[in-house]
């Protein structure tokens, strides 16, 4: 089992190869948390996540012969990029096995760093079977994404930095996938400040750590689809589980909609891009999954920022819908000339902007002589949408909102 001494040694070894990331306060998120909140921005690492730390610490431990043979790993993207990047720096050939459906941004970045890539299965656990085959057939050295003492020690350097940057913290919120990050951070924090409350956050669709804690042993679960792909693991590690059980106070889960809303909130309120896994701690705060008080000093680890821009676009639209700044209204009217102009005038009179209009006749639940007009509107918020709907009702029109 790794120790805090291993974490300190890792820090000296990787110091020149990783960034000392900032941990600023988050005034833009004051509305979600009464405590003082700081964000540890691991998204600013060279490859966009904390994985740079553990990958480098492990690869610096390779012998000359192992470096020549090359390494292999299974990763949904962040660990893959870190291994590929440091492999290119150190002259080590890198092979990566990715789950099918890994976000394109992570695939392309890993390729850009020179890695050979294979795809296997839906999760990291599925990809590991291919890793074991390549290890046996090609003699490659496995660099595990989380279940390795040197990787855990490397990730623990995040905790050492947090202690220096926010020495009075009382609560640490850390995403959990396989458990490498929270295990390493917990080692660092517990040694210096046993009173700190350490809380892990998982996606509800992939809550292997929570299931293992409930069972009192490492268990294998079937995961669902999640936008927090970086923490979608079917099984936490044999090395990480005992550390989590010993050092982590609580594990909470967050839903997909909560994660998406957290990504949107970080982008709009704090001007930060986070992937789903990185936004999970903020989702936990926004959904009141843990109790914090005004006197608490909370550090949420924003573990990564590698998110596909297409997904960001969809998340923004969902966030605007949630806030009432986009609305989709279905209005049933008589199918007569001038009705569309009448509706447009009603919307304009209330200060909304029409983004799109369509007519539905054959596929709507309406009378033969009617038409359903679907209007996509840009609005000012929930109250504004309600005012527009009331305006239609006051004109005797049948209207429904699609939420």
Protein backbone atom coordinates (compact mmCIF):
# COMPACT_ATOMS: atom_id res chain seq x y z
CA UNK A 1 0.00 0.00 0.00
CA UNK A 2 1.44 3.43 -0.92
CA UNK A 3 2.23 5.93 1.82
CA UNK A 4 2.48 9.68 2.08
CA UNK A 5 6.25 9.25 1.78
CA UNK A 6 5.64 7.77 -1.68
CA UNK A 7 3.53 10.80 -2.55
CA UNK A 8 6.29 13.17 -1.47
CA UNK A 9 8.86 11.24 -3.49
CA UNK A 10 6.55 11.32 -6.50
CA UNK A 11 6.33 15.07 -6.24
CA UNK A 12 10.08 15.48 -6.50
CA UNK A 13 10.27 13.07 -9.44
CA UNK A 14 7.53 14.64 -11.55
CA UNK A 15 8.02 18.27 -10.56
CA UNK A 16 9.54 19.30 -13.90
CA UNK A 17 7.04 17.35 -16.00
CA UNK A 18 3.67 18.56 -14.67
CA UNK A 19 2.04 21.87 -13.85
CA UNK A 20 1.47 23.22 -10.36
CA UNK A 21 -2.19 23.95 -11.08
CA UNK A 22 -4.06 26.89 -9.51
CA UNK A 23 -6.76 26.51 -6.87
CA UNK A 24 -8.69 29.80 -7.00
CA UNK A 25 -11.85 30.71 -5.15
CA UNK A 26 -15.08 30.42 -7.15
CA UNK A 27 -17.17 33.57 -6.65
CA UNK A 28 -19.28 32.72 -9.69
CA UNK A 29 -20.60 29.68 -7.84
CA UNK A 30 -21.58 31.44 -4.61
CA UNK A 31 -25.23 30.70 -5.35
CA UNK A 32 -24.71 26.92 -5.07
CA UNK A 33 -22.71 26.77 -1.87
CA UNK A 34 -22.83 28.84 1.32
CA UNK A 35 -19.29 27.80 2.21
CA UNK A 36 -16.12 29.26 0.73
CA UNK A 37 -15.45 27.27 -2.41
CA UNK A 38 -12.17 26.71 -4.25
CA UNK A 39 -11.59 24.79 -7.49
CA UNK A 40 -8.41 22.78 -8.04
CA UNK A 41 -7.95 23.19 -11.80
CA UNK A 42 -6.37 19.96 -12.99
CA UNK A 43 -8.03 20.68 -16.33
CA UNK A 44 -5.08 22.99 -16.99
CA UNK A 45 -2.51 20.18 -17.11
CA UNK A 46 -0.73 19.68 -20.44
CA UNK A 47 -3.08 16.88 -21.50
CA UNK A 48 -6.15 18.38 -19.83
CA UNK A 49 -6.41 16.29 -16.68
CA UNK A 50 -4.72 15.12 -13.47
CA UNK A 51 -3.65 11.91 -15.20
CA UNK A 52 -0.35 13.56 -16.20
CA UNK A 53 0.85 13.07 -12.63
CA UNK A 54 0.36 9.35 -12.08
CA UNK A 55 1.31 8.40 -15.63
CA UNK A 56 4.63 10.23 -15.41
CA UNK A 57 5.47 8.84 -11.97
CA UNK A 58 4.88 5.30 -13.22
CA UNK A 59 6.80 5.74 -16.48
CA UNK A 60 9.82 7.24 -14.75
CA UNK A 61 10.08 3.90 -12.95
CA UNK A 62 10.54 1.91 -16.17
CA UNK A 63 13.86 0.15 -16.72
CA UNK A 64 15.81 0.69 -19.94
CA UNK A 65 14.57 -2.65 -21.25
CA UNK A 66 10.95 -1.84 -20.44
CA UNK A 67 11.24 1.53 -22.15
CA UNK A 68 12.52 -0.17 -25.27
CA UNK A 69 9.68 -2.73 -25.34
CA UNK A 70 7.01 -0.08 -24.78
CA UNK A 71 3.93 0.25 -22.61
CA UNK A 72 0.24 -0.50 -22.98
CA UNK A 73 -2.76 0.88 -21.12
CA UNK A 74 -6.56 0.92 -21.14
CA UNK A 75 -8.15 4.34 -20.96
CA UNK A 76 -11.27 6.29 -21.88
CA UNK A 77 -8.98 9.10 -22.94
CA UNK A 78 -7.39 11.14 -20.17
CA UNK A 79 -4.93 8.52 -18.95
CA UNK A 80 -4.29 7.56 -22.58
CA UNK A 81 -3.33 11.11 -23.45
CA UNK A 82 -1.07 11.39 -20.42
CA UNK A 83 0.74 8.12 -21.15
CA UNK A 84 1.06 9.01 -24.85
CA UNK A 85 2.35 12.50 -24.09
CA UNK A 86 4.96 11.41 -21.58
CA UNK A 87 5.86 8.44 -23.77
CA UNK A 88 6.67 10.82 -26.60
CA UNK A 89 8.80 12.91 -24.24
CA UNK A 90 10.65 9.91 -22.81
CA UNK A 91 11.01 7.98 -26.06
CA UNK A 92 8.73 5.13 -24.94
CA UNK A 93 6.41 3.47 -27.53
CA UNK A 94 2.80 3.62 -26.30
CA UNK A 95 -0.18 1.39 -27.14
CA UNK A 96 -3.63 2.37 -25.89
CA UNK A 97 -6.82 0.32 -25.78
CA UNK A 98 -9.90 2.54 -25.62
CA UNK A 99 -13.54 1.65 -25.02
CA UNK A 100 -15.70 1.96 -28.10
CA UNK A 101 -17.50 5.29 -28.02
CA UNK A 102 -14.61 7.19 -26.42
CA UNK A 103 -15.11 10.91 -27.20
CA UNK A 104 -13.43 11.93 -30.43
CA UNK A 105 -11.52 14.78 -28.79
CA UNK A 106 -9.73 12.27 -26.55
CA UNK A 107 -9.03 9.83 -29.39
CA UNK A 108 -7.59 12.49 -31.68
CA UNK A 109 -5.42 13.97 -28.91
CA UNK A 110 -4.01 10.56 -28.03
CA UNK A 111 -3.19 9.88 -31.67
CA UNK A 112 -1.58 13.29 -31.96
CA UNK A 113 0.88 12.30 -29.23
CA UNK A 114 1.93 9.28 -31.31
CA UNK A 115 0.16 6.37 -29.61
CA UNK A 116 -1.01 3.20 -31.35
CA UNK A 117 -4.74 2.81 -30.60
CA UNK A 118 -7.11 -0.17 -30.43
CA UNK A 119 -10.80 -0.14 -29.47
CA UNK A 120 -12.42 -2.81 -27.32
CA UNK A 121 -15.74 -3.02 -25.41
CA UNK A 122 -17.86 -0.37 -23.75
CA UNK A 123 -15.86 0.36 -20.58
CA UNK A 124 -12.34 0.39 -19.18
CA UNK A 125 -12.88 -3.05 -17.70
CA UNK A 126 -13.67 -4.41 -21.17
CA UNK A 127 -10.58 -2.75 -22.62
CA UNK A 128 -8.35 -4.31 -19.95
CA UNK A 129 -8.84 -7.79 -21.41
CA UNK A 130 -7.22 -6.60 -24.65
CA UNK A 131 -4.43 -4.97 -22.63
CA UNK A 132 -3.66 -8.32 -21.00
CA UNK A 133 -3.51 -10.00 -24.41
CA UNK A 134 -1.04 -7.42 -25.72
CA UNK A 135 1.00 -7.70 -22.53
CA UNK A 136 1.32 -11.46 -23.03
CA UNK A 137 1.80 -11.53 -26.80
CA UNK A 138 4.03 -8.47 -27.32
CA UNK A 139 5.79 -8.19 -23.97
CA UNK A 140 4.45 -4.69 -23.33
CA UNK A 141 4.52 -3.17 -19.84
CA UNK A 142 1.10 -2.33 -18.40
CA UNK A 143 0.65 1.20 -17.08
CA UNK A 144 -2.65 0.89 -15.25
CA UNK A 145 -4.95 3.90 -15.18
CA UNK A 146 -5.50 3.75 -11.42
CA UNK A 147 -4.69 0.41 -9.75
CA UNK A 148 -0.95 0.91 -9.34
CA UNK A 149 0.87 2.21 -6.27
CA UNK A 150 3.12 4.54 -8.29
CA UNK A 151 0.12 5.95 -10.17
CA UNK A 152 -1.73 6.53 -6.89
CA UNK A 153 1.32 8.28 -5.42
CA UNK A 154 1.56 10.53 -8.48
CA UNK A 155 -2.09 11.53 -8.20
CA UNK A 156 -1.56 12.25 -4.52
CA UNK A 157 0.61 15.23 -5.43
CA UNK A 158 -2.69 17.06 -6.12
CA UNK A 159 -3.38 16.81 -2.39
CA UNK A 160 0.01 18.22 -1.43
CA UNK A 161 -0.63 21.26 -3.60
CA UNK A 162 -4.12 21.75 -2.17
CA UNK A 163 -2.70 21.81 1.36
CA UNK A 164 -0.29 24.59 0.34
CA UNK A 165 -2.89 26.59 -1.56
CA UNK A 166 -5.86 26.27 0.83
CA UNK A 167 -4.36 25.30 4.21
CA UNK A 168 -7.61 25.95 6.05
CA UNK A 169 -9.79 23.66 3.94
CA UNK A 170 -12.33 21.55 5.79
CA UNK A 171 -13.96 19.56 2.95
CA UNK A 172 -12.39 17.99 -0.15
CA UNK A 173 -14.65 16.87 -3.00
CA UNK A 174 -13.02 14.46 -5.43
CA UNK A 175 -14.41 12.52 -8.42
CA UNK A 176 -14.13 8.72 -8.23
CA UNK A 177 -13.69 6.40 -11.17
CA UNK A 178 -11.20 3.66 -10.39
CA UNK A 179 -10.17 5.49 -7.23
CA UNK A 180 -6.58 6.48 -8.00
CA UNK A 181 -7.10 10.21 -7.62
CA UNK A 182 -9.08 10.17 -4.39
CA UNK A 183 -6.78 7.53 -2.86
CA UNK A 184 -3.68 9.61 -3.50
CA UNK A 185 -5.27 12.87 -2.38
CA UNK A 186 -6.63 11.21 0.77
CA UNK A 187 -3.14 9.94 1.65
CA UNK A 188 -1.76 13.48 1.46
CA UNK A 189 -4.64 15.19 3.26
CA UNK A 190 -5.10 12.69 6.08
CA UNK A 191 -1.41 12.72 7.00
CA UNK A 192 -1.32 16.50 7.40
CA UNK A 193 -4.91 17.21 8.52
CA UNK A 194 -6.85 14.22 9.88
CA UNK A 195 -9.85 16.49 10.50
CA UNK A 196 -10.48 17.21 6.81
CA UNK A 197 -13.68 15.66 5.50
CA UNK A 198 -13.01 13.78 2.26
CA UNK A 199 -15.99 13.02 0.01
CA UNK A 200 -15.90 11.07 -3.24
CA UNK A 201 -18.36 11.76 -6.06
CA UNK A 202 -19.43 9.15 -8.61
CA UNK A 203 -21.79 9.15 -11.54
CA UNK A 204 -24.92 7.27 -10.51
CA UNK A 205 -24.67 5.27 -13.75
CA UNK A 206 -21.20 3.98 -12.80
CA UNK A 207 -21.10 3.88 -9.01
CA UNK A 208 -18.64 1.02 -8.48
CA UNK A 209 -17.00 2.56 -5.39
CA UNK A 210 -20.35 3.09 -3.68
CA UNK A 211 -21.38 -0.48 -4.49
CA UNK A 212 -18.08 -1.82 -3.17
CA UNK A 213 -18.38 0.15 0.05
CA UNK A 214 -21.92 -1.11 0.56
CA UNK A 215 -20.77 -4.70 -0.02
CA UNK A 216 -17.62 -4.38 2.07
CA UNK A 217 -15.51 -5.73 -0.79
CA UNK A 218 -14.58 -4.89 -4.36
CA UNK A 219 -17.54 -5.71 -6.60
CA UNK A 220 -18.03 -5.67 -10.35
CA UNK A 221 -21.05 -3.71 -11.57
CA UNK A 222 -22.73 -3.16 -14.90
CA UNK A 223 -22.45 0.50 -15.79
CA UNK A 224 -24.90 2.63 -17.70
CA UNK A 225 -24.11 5.28 -20.27
CA UNK A 226 -22.80 8.48 -18.72
CA UNK A 227 -21.40 11.79 -19.91
CA UNK A 228 -18.84 11.39 -17.12
CA UNK A 229 -16.90 8.90 -19.25
CA UNK A 230 -13.69 9.58 -17.36
CA UNK A 231 -15.11 7.91 -14.23
CA UNK A 232 -17.15 5.15 -15.90
CA UNK A 233 -15.54 2.04 -14.41
CA UNK A 234 -17.18 -1.30 -13.66
CA UNK A 235 -14.74 -2.04 -10.85
CA UNK A 236 -12.52 0.03 -8.60
CA UNK A 237 -8.97 -1.10 -7.92
CA UNK A 238 -7.64 -3.69 -5.52
CA UNK A 239 -5.07 -1.12 -4.40
CA UNK A 240 -7.49 1.80 -4.24
CA UNK A 241 -10.38 0.11 -2.40
CA UNK A 242 -8.63 -0.35 0.98
CA UNK A 243 -7.36 3.23 0.84
CA UNK A 244 -10.84 4.53 0.11
CA UNK A 245 -12.31 2.46 2.92
CA UNK A 246 -9.70 3.69 5.38
CA UNK A 247 -9.43 7.35 4.40
CA UNK A 248 -12.58 8.55 2.59
CA UNK A 249 -15.47 9.70 4.78
CA UNK A 250 -18.32 9.41 2.31
CA UNK A 251 -19.19 8.59 -1.30
CA UNK A 252 -22.13 10.27 -3.03
CA UNK A 253 -23.59 9.85 -6.50
CA UNK A 254 -24.97 12.32 -9.02
CA UNK A 255 -27.40 11.90 -11.90
CA UNK A 256 -26.74 12.61 -15.57
CA UNK A 257 -28.89 15.75 -15.67
CA UNK A 258 -27.12 17.04 -12.57
CA UNK A 259 -23.71 16.51 -14.16
CA UNK A 260 -24.80 18.25 -17.36
CA UNK A 261 -26.16 21.20 -15.39
CA UNK A 262 -22.88 21.44 -13.48
CA UNK A 263 -20.89 21.54 -16.75
CA UNK A 264 -23.16 24.33 -17.98
CA UNK A 265 -22.92 26.26 -14.70
CA UNK A 266 -19.13 26.09 -14.62
CA UNK A 267 -18.99 27.34 -18.19
CA UNK A 268 -21.40 30.22 -17.73
CA UNK A 269 -20.80 31.32 -14.14
CA UNK A 270 -17.11 30.52 -13.64
CA UNK A 271 -15.89 30.62 -17.28
CA UNK A 272 -14.37 27.13 -16.96
CA UNK A 273 -14.64 24.17 -19.30
CA UNK A 274 -15.05 20.87 -17.44
CA UNK A 275 -15.74 17.38 -18.69
CA UNK A 276 -18.47 15.39 -16.98
CA UNK A 277 -16.12 13.69 -14.53
CA UNK A 278 -14.53 17.00 -13.59
CA UNK A 279 -17.90 18.64 -13.00
CA UNK A 280 -19.20 15.82 -10.77
CA UNK A 281 -18.15 17.49 -7.47
CA UNK A 282 -19.98 20.68 -8.48
CA UNK A 283 -23.01 18.58 -9.40
CA UNK A 284 -22.95 17.12 -5.88
CA UNK A 285 -22.94 20.60 -4.36
CA UNK A 286 -25.72 21.84 -6.63
CA UNK A 287 -27.87 18.79 -5.87
CA UNK A 288 -27.31 19.05 -2.09
CA UNK A 289 -25.76 15.59 -1.88
CA UNK A 290 -23.65 16.61 1.11
CA UNK A 291 -24.08 18.98 4.01
CA UNK A 292 -21.77 21.98 4.16
CA UNK A 293 -22.08 24.97 6.46
CA UNK A 294 -21.11 28.60 6.08
CA UNK A 295 -17.87 28.10 8.02
CA UNK A 296 -16.65 25.29 5.74
CA UNK A 297 -13.85 25.79 3.25
CA UNK A 298 -14.46 23.44 0.35
CA UNK A 299 -12.01 22.41 -2.37
CA UNK A 300 -13.60 20.70 -5.37
CA UNK A 301 -11.15 18.97 -7.68
CA UNK A 302 -11.99 19.80 -11.29
CA UNK A 303 -10.19 16.72 -12.54
CA UNK A 304 -10.32 17.30 -16.30
CA UNK A 305 -11.55 19.48 -19.14
CA UNK A 306 -11.45 17.13 -22.13
CA UNK A 307 -15.01 17.33 -23.40
CA UNK A 308 -16.26 17.04 -26.97
CA UNK A 309 -17.49 20.39 -28.31
CA UNK A 310 -20.60 18.72 -29.76
CA UNK A 311 -21.51 17.51 -26.29
CA UNK A 312 -20.86 20.99 -24.90
CA UNK A 313 -23.32 22.40 -27.43
CA UNK A 314 -26.02 19.95 -26.35
CA UNK A 315 -25.33 20.64 -22.69
CA UNK A 316 -25.61 24.39 -23.25
CA UNK A 317 -29.01 23.93 -24.92
CA UNK A 318 -30.19 21.74 -22.03
CA UNK A 319 -28.95 24.30 -19.54
CA UNK A 320 -30.77 27.11 -21.31
CA UNK A 321 -33.95 25.04 -21.31
CA UNK A 322 -33.52 24.37 -17.60
CA UNK A 323 -33.14 28.09 -16.93
CA UNK A 324 -36.10 29.00 -19.14
CA UNK A 325 -33.94 30.89 -21.63
CA UNK A 326 -34.98 28.58 -24.43
CA UNK A 327 -38.58 27.48 -24.81
CA UNK A 328 -40.47 25.22 -27.20
CA UNK A 329 -44.17 26.01 -27.41
CA UNK A 330 -46.89 24.18 -29.33
CA UNK A 331 -49.87 26.39 -30.18
CA UNK A 332 -53.02 25.00 -31.79
CA UNK A 333 -54.83 27.46 -34.09
CA UNK A 334 -57.24 27.45 -37.02
CA UNK A 335 -55.39 26.81 -40.28
CA UNK A 336 -56.11 30.20 -41.82
CA UNK A 337 -54.07 33.00 -43.41
CA UNK A 338 -52.65 35.48 -40.93
CA UNK A 339 -52.52 33.15 -37.90
CA UNK A 340 -48.73 32.82 -37.99
CA UNK A 341 -48.33 36.59 -38.16
CA UNK A 342 -50.68 36.94 -35.18
CA UNK A 343 -48.58 34.55 -33.09
CA UNK A 344 -45.36 36.28 -34.10
CA UNK A 345 -46.81 39.63 -33.05
CA UNK A 346 -47.80 38.23 -29.65
CA UNK A 347 -44.29 36.92 -29.09
CA UNK A 348 -42.66 40.14 -30.26
CA UNK A 349 -44.90 42.23 -28.01
CA UNK A 350 -43.52 40.35 -25.01
CA UNK A 351 -39.87 40.76 -25.98
CA UNK A 352 -38.99 37.20 -26.98
CA UNK A 353 -36.95 36.19 -30.03
CA UNK A 354 -38.21 33.53 -32.45
CA UNK A 355 -35.45 31.05 -33.33
CA UNK A 356 -37.46 28.55 -35.37
CA UNK A 357 -41.05 27.91 -36.46
CA UNK A 358 -42.63 24.81 -37.94
CA UNK A 359 -46.17 23.71 -38.84
CA UNK A 360 -47.59 20.29 -37.97
CA UNK A 361 -50.78 19.10 -39.62
CA UNK A 362 -50.77 15.38 -40.38
CA UNK A 363 -48.82 14.27 -37.30
CA UNK A 364 -50.38 16.43 -34.61
CA UNK A 365 -53.33 15.54 -32.39
CA UNK A 366 -55.58 18.24 -33.82
CA UNK A 367 -58.78 18.69 -35.78
CA UNK A 368 -58.64 18.55 -39.57
CA UNK A 369 -59.09 22.29 -39.92
CA UNK A 370 -56.43 23.18 -37.36
CA UNK A 371 -52.65 23.43 -37.41
CA UNK A 372 -50.14 23.08 -34.60
CA UNK A 373 -47.44 25.72 -34.77
CA UNK A 374 -44.22 24.83 -32.96
CA UNK A 375 -42.18 27.86 -31.91
CA UNK A 376 -38.63 27.76 -30.54
CA UNK A 377 -38.08 30.95 -28.56
CA UNK A 378 -35.14 32.69 -26.94
CA UNK A 379 -36.40 34.11 -23.67
CA UNK A 380 -35.18 35.85 -20.51
CA UNK A 381 -35.98 33.17 -17.97
CA UNK A 382 -38.71 31.04 -16.45
CA UNK A 383 -40.95 33.98 -15.54
CA UNK A 384 -40.69 35.38 -19.06
CA UNK A 385 -41.78 32.03 -20.56
CA UNK A 386 -44.76 31.94 -18.22
CA UNK A 387 -45.74 35.46 -19.29
CA UNK A 388 -45.62 34.48 -22.97
CA UNK A 389 -47.75 31.40 -22.34
CA UNK A 390 -50.25 33.48 -20.40
CA UNK A 391 -50.39 35.92 -23.29
CA UNK A 392 -51.42 33.12 -25.65
CA UNK A 393 -54.01 31.87 -23.16
CA UNK A 394 -55.45 35.37 -22.79
CA UNK A 395 -56.04 35.34 -26.57
CA UNK A 396 -58.01 32.12 -26.23
CA UNK A 397 -55.28 29.97 -27.81
CA UNK A 398 -54.41 26.41 -26.75
CA UNK A 399 -50.73 26.24 -25.87
CA UNK A 400 -48.39 23.62 -24.39
CA UNK A 401 -44.73 23.80 -23.46
CA UNK A 402 -42.38 20.97 -24.28
CA UNK A 403 -39.89 20.60 -21.44
